[in-house]
C-alpha atoms as a PDB file:
ATOM      1  CA  MET A   1     125.180  54.312  97.596  1.00  0.00           C
ATOM      2  CA  SER A   2     124.784  52.827  94.137  1.00  0.00           C
ATOM      3  CA  VAL A   3     124.393  49.295  92.863  1.00  0.00           C
ATOM      4  CA  SER A   4     125.719  47.930  89.598  1.00  0.00           C
ATOM      5  CA  VAL A   5     123.568  47.412  86.528  1.00  0.00           C
ATOM      6  CA  GLY A   6     124.280  43.690  86.738  1.00  0.00           C
ATOM      7  CA  THR A   7     123.162  43.532  90.362  1.00  0.00           C
ATOM      8  CA  ALA A   8     119.953  45.370  89.514  1.00  0.00           C
ATOM      9  CA  ALA A   9     119.192  43.045  86.600  1.00  0.00           C
ATOM     10  CA  ARG A  10     119.856  39.919  88.672  1.00  0.00           C
ATOM     11  CA  GLY A  11     117.684  41.205  91.497  1.00  0.00           C
ATOM     12  CA  ALA A  12     114.886  41.941  89.041  1.00  0.00           C
ATOM     13  CA  TRP A  13     115.032  38.401  87.665  1.00  0.00           C
ATOM     14  CA  GLN A  14     114.652  37.166  91.247  1.00  0.00           C
ATOM     15  CA  GLY A  15     111.502  39.272  91.689  1.00  0.00           C
ATOM     16  CA  LYS A  16     113.024  41.885  94.001  1.00  0.00           C
ATOM     17  CA  THR A  17     112.009  45.535  94.089  1.00  0.00           C
ATOM     18  CA  LEU A  18     114.656  48.206  93.564  1.00  0.00           C
ATOM     19  CA  ALA A  19     114.354  49.133  97.246  1.00  0.00           C
ATOM     20  CA  ARG A  20     115.121  45.556  98.198  1.00  0.00           C
ATOM     21  CA  ILE A  21     118.098  45.373  95.840  1.00  0.00           C
ATOM     22  CA  PHE A  22     119.637  48.483  97.411  1.00  0.00           C
ATOM     23  CA  PHE A  23     118.934  47.174 100.915  1.00  0.00           C
ATOM     24  CA  ASP A  24     120.469  43.750 100.305  1.00  0.00           C
ATOM     25  CA  GLU A  25     123.698  45.272  99.030  1.00  0.00           C
ATOM     26  CA  ALA A  26     123.938  47.708 101.951  1.00  0.00           C
ATOM     27  CA  LEU A  27     123.184  45.066 104.563  1.00  0.00           C
ATOM     28  CA  ARG A  28     125.685  42.622 103.092  1.00  0.00           C
ATOM     29  CA  ARG A  29     128.385  45.286 103.226  1.00  0.00           C
ATOM     30  CA  HIS A  30     127.626  46.816 106.624  1.00  0.00           C
ATOM     31  CA  SER A  31     126.936  43.572 108.474  1.00  0.00           C
ATOM     32  CA  ALA A  32     130.218  41.992 107.383  1.00  0.00           C
ATOM     33  CA  GLY A  33     132.399  41.573 110.438  1.00  0.00           C
ATOM     34  CA  LEU A  34     129.577  41.830 112.965  1.00  0.00           C
ATOM     35  CA  GLU A  35     129.753  39.211 115.678  1.00  0.00           C
ATOM     36  CA  GLY A  36     128.287  38.376 119.042  1.00  0.00           C
ATOM     37  CA  ARG A  37     124.646  38.955 119.930  1.00  0.00           C
ATOM     38  CA  ALA A  38     122.284  40.978 117.712  1.00  0.00           C
ATOM     39  CA  LEU A  39     118.768  42.232 118.440  1.00  0.00           C
ATOM     40  CA  ASP A  40     116.499  42.333 115.387  1.00  0.00           C
ATOM     41  CA  LEU A  41     113.491  44.579 116.045  1.00  0.00           C
ATOM     42  CA  ALA A  42     110.529  44.085 113.676  1.00  0.00           C
ATOM     43  CA  SER A  43     112.328  41.016 112.388  1.00  0.00           C
ATOM     44  CA  GLY A  44     111.972  39.688 108.866  1.00  0.00           C
ATOM     45  CA  THR A  45     113.216  36.442 107.375  1.00  0.00           C
ATOM     46  CA  SER A  46     114.347  37.240 103.846  1.00  0.00           C
ATOM     47  CA  TYR A  47     117.582  38.968 104.851  1.00  0.00           C
ATOM     48  CA  LEU A  48     118.812  36.500 107.483  1.00  0.00           C
ATOM     49  CA  SER A  49     121.001  34.700 104.946  1.00  0.00           C
ATOM     50  CA  LEU A  50     122.887  37.965 104.320  1.00  0.00           C
ATOM     51  CA  LEU A  51     124.040  38.184 107.951  1.00  0.00           C
ATOM     52  CA  PRO A  52     127.242  36.558 109.224  1.00  0.00           C
ATOM     53  CA  GLN A  53     126.540  32.939 110.155  1.00  0.00           C
ATOM     54  CA  THR A  54     128.316  33.330 113.500  1.00  0.00           C
ATOM     55  CA  LEU A  55     125.974  36.123 114.610  1.00  0.00           C
ATOM     56  CA  GLU A  56     123.451  35.145 117.300  1.00  0.00           C
ATOM     57  CA  VAL A  57     120.263  36.956 116.239  1.00  0.00           C
ATOM     58  CA  ILE A  58     117.460  37.516 118.754  1.00  0.00           C
ATOM     59  CA  ARG A  59     114.425  37.977 116.528  1.00  0.00           C
ATOM     60  CA  THR A  60     111.477  40.047 117.760  1.00  0.00           C
ATOM     61  CA  ASN A  61     108.216  41.424 116.408  1.00  0.00           C
ATOM     62  CA  ARG A  62     104.782  42.551 117.606  1.00  0.00           C
ATOM     63  CA  SER A  63     103.383  39.024 117.242  1.00  0.00           C
ATOM     64  CA  GLU A  64     104.884  35.630 118.028  1.00  0.00           C
ATOM     65  CA  SER A  65     105.798  33.261 115.226  1.00  0.00           C
ATOM     66  CA  GLY A  66     108.285  30.414 115.364  1.00  0.00           C
ATOM     67  CA  ASP A  67     111.451  31.682 117.048  1.00  0.00           C
ATOM     68  CA  ILE A  68     110.256  35.296 117.019  1.00  0.00           C
ATOM     69  CA  ARG A  69     109.842  36.817 120.472  1.00  0.00           C
ATOM     70  CA  VAL A  70     107.059  39.328 121.128  1.00  0.00           C
ATOM     71  CA  VAL A  71     108.547  42.754 121.870  1.00  0.00           C
ATOM     72  CA  ASP A  72     106.769  46.111 121.712  1.00  0.00           C
ATOM     73  CA  PHE A  73     109.380  48.682 120.748  1.00  0.00           C
ATOM     74  CA  ASN A  74     106.962  51.455 121.702  1.00  0.00           C
ATOM     75  CA  ALA A  75     107.691  50.531 125.319  1.00  0.00           C
ATOM     76  CA  LYS A  76     110.861  49.980 127.325  1.00  0.00           C
ATOM     77  CA  LEU A  77     112.790  47.132 125.729  1.00  0.00           C
ATOM     78  CA  PRO A  78     112.808  44.043 127.991  1.00  0.00           C
ATOM     79  CA  PHE A  79     116.580  43.599 127.903  1.00  0.00           C
ATOM     80  CA  GLU A  80     119.466  44.439 130.215  1.00  0.00           C
ATOM     81  CA  ASP A  81     121.700  47.464 129.687  1.00  0.00           C
ATOM     82  CA  GLU A  82     124.612  46.863 127.297  1.00  0.00           C
ATOM     83  CA  SER A  83     123.468  43.348 126.380  1.00  0.00           C
ATOM     84  CA  PHE A  84     123.806  43.446 122.560  1.00  0.00           C
ATOM     85  CA  ASP A  85     126.661  43.853 120.100  1.00  0.00           C
ATOM     86  CA  SER A  86     124.339  45.200 117.383  1.00  0.00           C
ATOM     87  CA  VAL A  87     120.688  46.141 116.841  1.00  0.00           C
ATOM     88  CA  PHE A  88     118.751  46.038 113.551  1.00  0.00           C
ATOM     89  CA  LEU A  89     115.653  48.068 112.669  1.00  0.00           C
ATOM     90  CA  PHE A  90     114.715  47.656 109.033  1.00  0.00           C
ATOM     91  CA  ASN A  91     111.687  49.322 107.428  1.00  0.00           C
ATOM     92  CA  ALA A  92     110.027  49.964 110.766  1.00  0.00           C
ATOM     93  CA  LEU A  93     111.150  53.312 112.176  1.00  0.00           C
ATOM     94  CA  TYR A  94     108.058  54.938 110.683  1.00  0.00           C
ATOM     95  CA  ILE A  95     105.907  52.662 112.895  1.00  0.00           C
ATOM     96  CA  ALA A  96     107.324  53.991 116.170  1.00  0.00           C
ATOM     97  CA  ASP A  97     104.959  56.062 118.293  1.00  0.00           C
ATOM     98  CA  ASN A  98     107.928  57.786 119.907  1.00  0.00           C
ATOM     99  CA  PRO A  99     111.086  57.317 117.814  1.00  0.00           C
ATOM    100  CA  GLU A 100     113.158  59.410 120.241  1.00  0.00           C
ATOM    101  CA  MET A 101     112.341  57.025 123.100  1.00  0.00           C
ATOM    102  CA  LEU A 102     113.065  54.037 120.880  1.00  0.00           C
ATOM    103  CA  ALA A 103     116.463  55.460 119.919  1.00  0.00           C
ATOM    104  CA  ARG A 104     117.346  55.974 123.588  1.00  0.00           C
ATOM    105  CA  GLU A 105     116.297  52.396 124.371  1.00  0.00           C
ATOM    106  CA  VAL A 106     118.436  51.029 121.553  1.00  0.00           C
ATOM    107  CA  TRP A 107     121.380  53.048 122.861  1.00  0.00           C
ATOM    108  CA  ARG A 108     120.774  51.624 126.337  1.00  0.00           C
ATOM    109  CA  VAL A 109     120.799  47.947 125.323  1.00  0.00           C
ATOM    110  CA  LEU A 110     123.877  48.288 123.082  1.00  0.00           C
ATOM    111  CA  LYS A 111     127.368  47.652 124.380  1.00  0.00           C
ATOM    112  CA  PRO A 112     129.970  50.423 124.065  1.00  0.00           C
ATOM    113  CA  ARG A 113     131.200  50.826 120.456  1.00  0.00           C
ATOM    114  CA  ALA A 114     128.350  48.594 119.236  1.00  0.00           C
ATOM    115  CA  LYS A 115     126.255  49.475 116.168  1.00  0.00           C
ATOM    116  CA  TRP A 116     122.624  50.212 115.341  1.00  0.00           C
ATOM    117  CA  LEU A 117     121.747  49.491 111.690  1.00  0.00           C
ATOM    118  CA  ILE A 118     118.625  51.176 110.303  1.00  0.00           C
ATOM    119  CA  LEU A 119     116.831  51.098 106.974  1.00  0.00           C
ATOM    120  CA  SER A 120     114.402  54.007 106.641  1.00  0.00           C
ATOM    121  CA  PRO A 121     112.330  54.610 103.483  1.00  0.00           C
ATOM    122  CA  PHE A 122     112.066  58.133 102.126  1.00  0.00           C
ATOM    123  CA  VAL A 123     110.153  57.934  98.825  1.00  0.00           C
ATOM    124  CA  ALA A 124     107.700  55.096  99.338  1.00  0.00           C
ATOM    125  CA  ASN A 125     104.034  54.269  99.473  1.00  0.00           C
ATOM    126  CA  GLU A 126     102.207  54.355 102.798  1.00  0.00           C
ATOM    127  CA  MET A 127     102.692  51.087 104.681  1.00  0.00           C
ATOM    128  CA  SER A 128     100.135  51.101 107.491  1.00  0.00           C
ATOM    129  CA  ASP A 129     100.861  47.642 108.879  1.00  0.00           C
ATOM    130  CA  PRO A 130     100.023  48.409 111.616  1.00  0.00           C
ATOM    131  CA  HIS A 131     100.878  52.122 111.306  1.00  0.00           C
ATOM    132  CA  ASP A 132     102.825  54.582 109.173  1.00  0.00           C
ATOM    133  CA  TYR A 133     103.525  57.907 110.872  1.00  0.00           C
ATOM    134  CA  ARG A 134     106.509  59.587 109.224  1.00  0.00           C
ATOM    135  CA  ARG A 135     109.434  59.728 106.819  1.00  0.00           C
ATOM    136  CA  PHE A 136     112.830  60.910 108.077  1.00  0.00           C
ATOM    137  CA  THR A 137     115.275  63.021 106.079  1.00  0.00           C
ATOM    138  CA  LYS A 138     119.041  62.614 106.388  1.00  0.00           C
ATOM    139  CA  GLU A 139     119.187  65.457 108.899  1.00  0.00           C
ATOM    140  CA  GLY A 140     116.270  64.004 110.824  1.00  0.00           C
ATOM    141  CA  LEU A 141     117.987  60.629 111.131  1.00  0.00           C
ATOM    142  CA  GLU A 142     121.246  62.247 112.211  1.00  0.00           C
ATOM    143  CA  GLN A 143     119.440  64.294 114.844  1.00  0.00           C
ATOM    144  CA  LEU A 144     117.475  61.291 116.122  1.00  0.00           C
ATOM    145  CA  CYS A 145     120.611  59.238 116.639  1.00  0.00           C
ATOM    146  CA  THR A 146     122.931  61.918 118.020  1.00  0.00           C
ATOM    147  CA  GLN A 147     120.338  63.138 120.517  1.00  0.00           C
ATOM    148  CA  ALA A 148     119.986  59.546 121.743  1.00  0.00           C
ATOM    149  CA  GLY A 149     123.712  59.530 122.515  1.00  0.00           C
ATOM    150  CA  PHE A 150     125.326  57.853 119.502  1.00  0.00           C
ATOM    151  CA  THR A 151     128.788  59.245 118.810  1.00  0.00           C
ATOM    152  CA  THR A 152     129.036  58.354 115.116  1.00  0.00           C
ATOM    153  CA  VAL A 153     126.168  58.437 112.616  1.00  0.00           C
ATOM    154  CA  GLU A 154     126.668  57.551 108.957  1.00  0.00           C
ATOM    155  CA  VAL A 155     123.662  58.067 106.691  1.00  0.00           C
ATOM    156  CA  GLU A 156     123.870  56.510 103.238  1.00  0.00           C
ATOM    157  CA  ARG A 157     121.439  57.584 100.523  1.00  0.00           C
ATOM    158  CA  GLN A 158     120.064  54.754  98.400  1.00  0.00           C
ATOM    159  CA  GLY A 159     119.070  55.656  94.868  1.00  0.00           C
ATOM    160  CA  GLU A 160     117.851  58.920  93.388  1.00  0.00           C
ATOM    161  CA  ARG A 161     114.873  60.344  91.481  1.00  0.00           C
ATOM    162  CA  ALA A 162     114.656  57.730  88.751  1.00  0.00           C
ATOM    163  CA  SER A 163     115.025  54.685  90.996  1.00  0.00           C
ATOM    164  CA  ALA A 164     112.560  56.186  93.490  1.00  0.00           C
ATOM    165  CA  ALA A 165     110.021  56.800  90.725  1.00  0.00           C
ATOM    166  CA  THR A 166     110.600  53.318  89.307  1.00  0.00           C
ATOM    167  CA  HIS A 167     110.010  51.790  92.729  1.00  0.00           C
ATOM    168  CA  LEU A 168     106.678  53.594  93.016  1.00  0.00           C
ATOM    169  CA  MET A 169     105.713  52.280  89.578  1.00  0.00           C
ATOM    170  CA  HIS A 170     106.604  48.705  90.527  1.00  0.00           C
ATOM    171  CA  PRO A 171     102.973  47.378  90.433  1.00  0.00           C
ATOM    172  CA  PHE A 172     102.896  48.114  86.702  1.00  0.00           C
ATOM    173  CA  PHE A 173     105.910  45.914  85.974  1.00  0.00           C
ATOM    174  CA  LEU A 174     104.106  42.580  85.869  1.00  0.00           C
ATOM    175  CA  PHE A 175     106.970  40.384  84.739  1.00  0.00           C
ATOM    176  CA  ASN A 176     110.544  39.980  85.909  1.00  0.00           C
ATOM    177  CA  VAL A 177     111.814  40.431  82.371  1.00  0.00           C
ATOM    178  CA  MET A 178     110.290  43.927  82.345  1.00  0.00           C
ATOM    179  CA  ARG A 179     112.005  44.757  85.624  1.00  0.00           C
ATOM    180  CA  ALA A 180     115.328  43.402  84.388  1.00  0.00           C
ATOM    181  CA  LEU A 181     115.159  45.899  81.508  1.00  0.00           C
ATOM    182  CA  ILE A 182     113.761  48.886  83.423  1.00  0.00           C
ATOM    183  CA  PHE A 183     115.804  48.772  86.630  1.00  0.00           C
ATOM    184  CA  PRO A 184     119.201  49.274  84.923  1.00  0.00           C
ATOM    185  CA  VAL A 185     117.737  52.192  82.936  1.00  0.00           C
ATOM    186  CA  ALA A 186     116.546  53.780  86.182  1.00  0.00           C
ATOM    187  CA  LEU A 187     120.068  53.510  87.613  1.00  0.00           C
ATOM    188  CA  LEU A 188     121.437  55.173  84.495  1.00  0.00           C
ATOM    189  CA  PHE A 189     119.021  58.085  84.868  1.00  0.00           C
ATOM    190  CA  ASP A 190     120.012  58.374  88.547  1.00  0.00           C
ATOM    191  CA  TRP A 191     123.608  58.764  87.412  1.00  0.00           C
ATOM    192  CA  LEU A 192     122.617  61.458  84.902  1.00  0.00           C
ATOM    193  CA  VAL A 193     121.182  63.706  87.619  1.00  0.00           C
ATOM    194  CA  PRO A 194     123.745  66.520  88.016  1.00  0.00           C
ATOM    195  CA  ALA A 195     126.010  66.079  91.034  1.00  0.00           C
ATOM    196  CA  ARG A 196     125.024  69.495  92.405  1.00  0.00           C
ATOM    197  CA  VAL A 197     121.337  68.564  92.309  1.00  0.00           C
ATOM    198  CA  ARG A 198     122.007  65.227  93.988  1.00  0.00           C
ATOM    199  CA  ARG A 199     124.036  67.008  96.655  1.00  0.00           C
ATOM    200  CA  GLU A 200     121.761  69.999  97.316  1.00  0.00           C
ATOM    201  CA  HIS A 201     118.326  68.536  96.511  1.00  0.00           C
ATOM    202  CA  PRO A 202     118.556  64.754  96.963  1.00  0.00           C
ATOM    203  CA  THR A 203     115.516  62.553  96.400  1.00  0.00           C
ATOM    204  CA  PRO A 204     116.601  59.092  97.534  1.00  0.00           C
ATOM    205  CA  LEU A 205     114.529  55.973  97.640  1.00  0.00           C
ATOM    206  CA  SER A 206     115.670  55.199 101.187  1.00  0.00           C
ATOM    207  CA  TYR A 207     118.416  55.707 103.762  1.00  0.00           C
ATOM    208  CA  PHE A 208     120.704  53.106 105.315  1.00  0.00           C
ATOM    209  CA  VAL A 209     122.048  54.309 108.649  1.00  0.00           C
ATOM    210  CA  VAL A 210     124.915  52.991 110.763  1.00  0.00           C
ATOM    211  CA  CYS A 211     125.067  54.443 114.283  1.00  0.00           C
ATOM    212  CA  LYS A 212     127.928  53.689 116.647  1.00  0.00           C
ATOM    213  CA  LYS A 213     127.606  54.008 120.411  1.00  0.00           C
END
């Protein structure tokens, strides 16, 4: 997946990282049309406005806050079989003690033909809050989901070498105006990476995954 230069510049002015810019665009596109009841594991707040307004989102995390329900996704999920129309897990798969068990639990609580949306970083700093165990490749994400029982798994690469490197250098870009100039250049350098290299030796910033039960 790619984002436009204009989108990158606007996101930079708003103080977003490149990873966040890619994520927002992917979530806006892949959540369009979702309806019914959604389970948000490791819930955040900044992306809620990107979701369809008619979606009933059950927000969960490891600690209670406001309307967030305490749920430990390292244990059996406290929900009935086939009780959700979609499940979200953004920037948290690397926290799971047993990702295979988690994937099976997500499959269990999803209705038939429902979707699991995942954002999984690939080139990123360690984020030990509370833990950081692993990074999944495209093949690893496909294997995780198919072995859990999902029939369709679409893995979308976000960014390439230049945007990944720029994201890692983010602490040095102190002002939004710097980011607004640098982010579009990073996207240009991503585009200049030969197609064969991007295909055979990809180095994405992150992966956005859509699994269908």
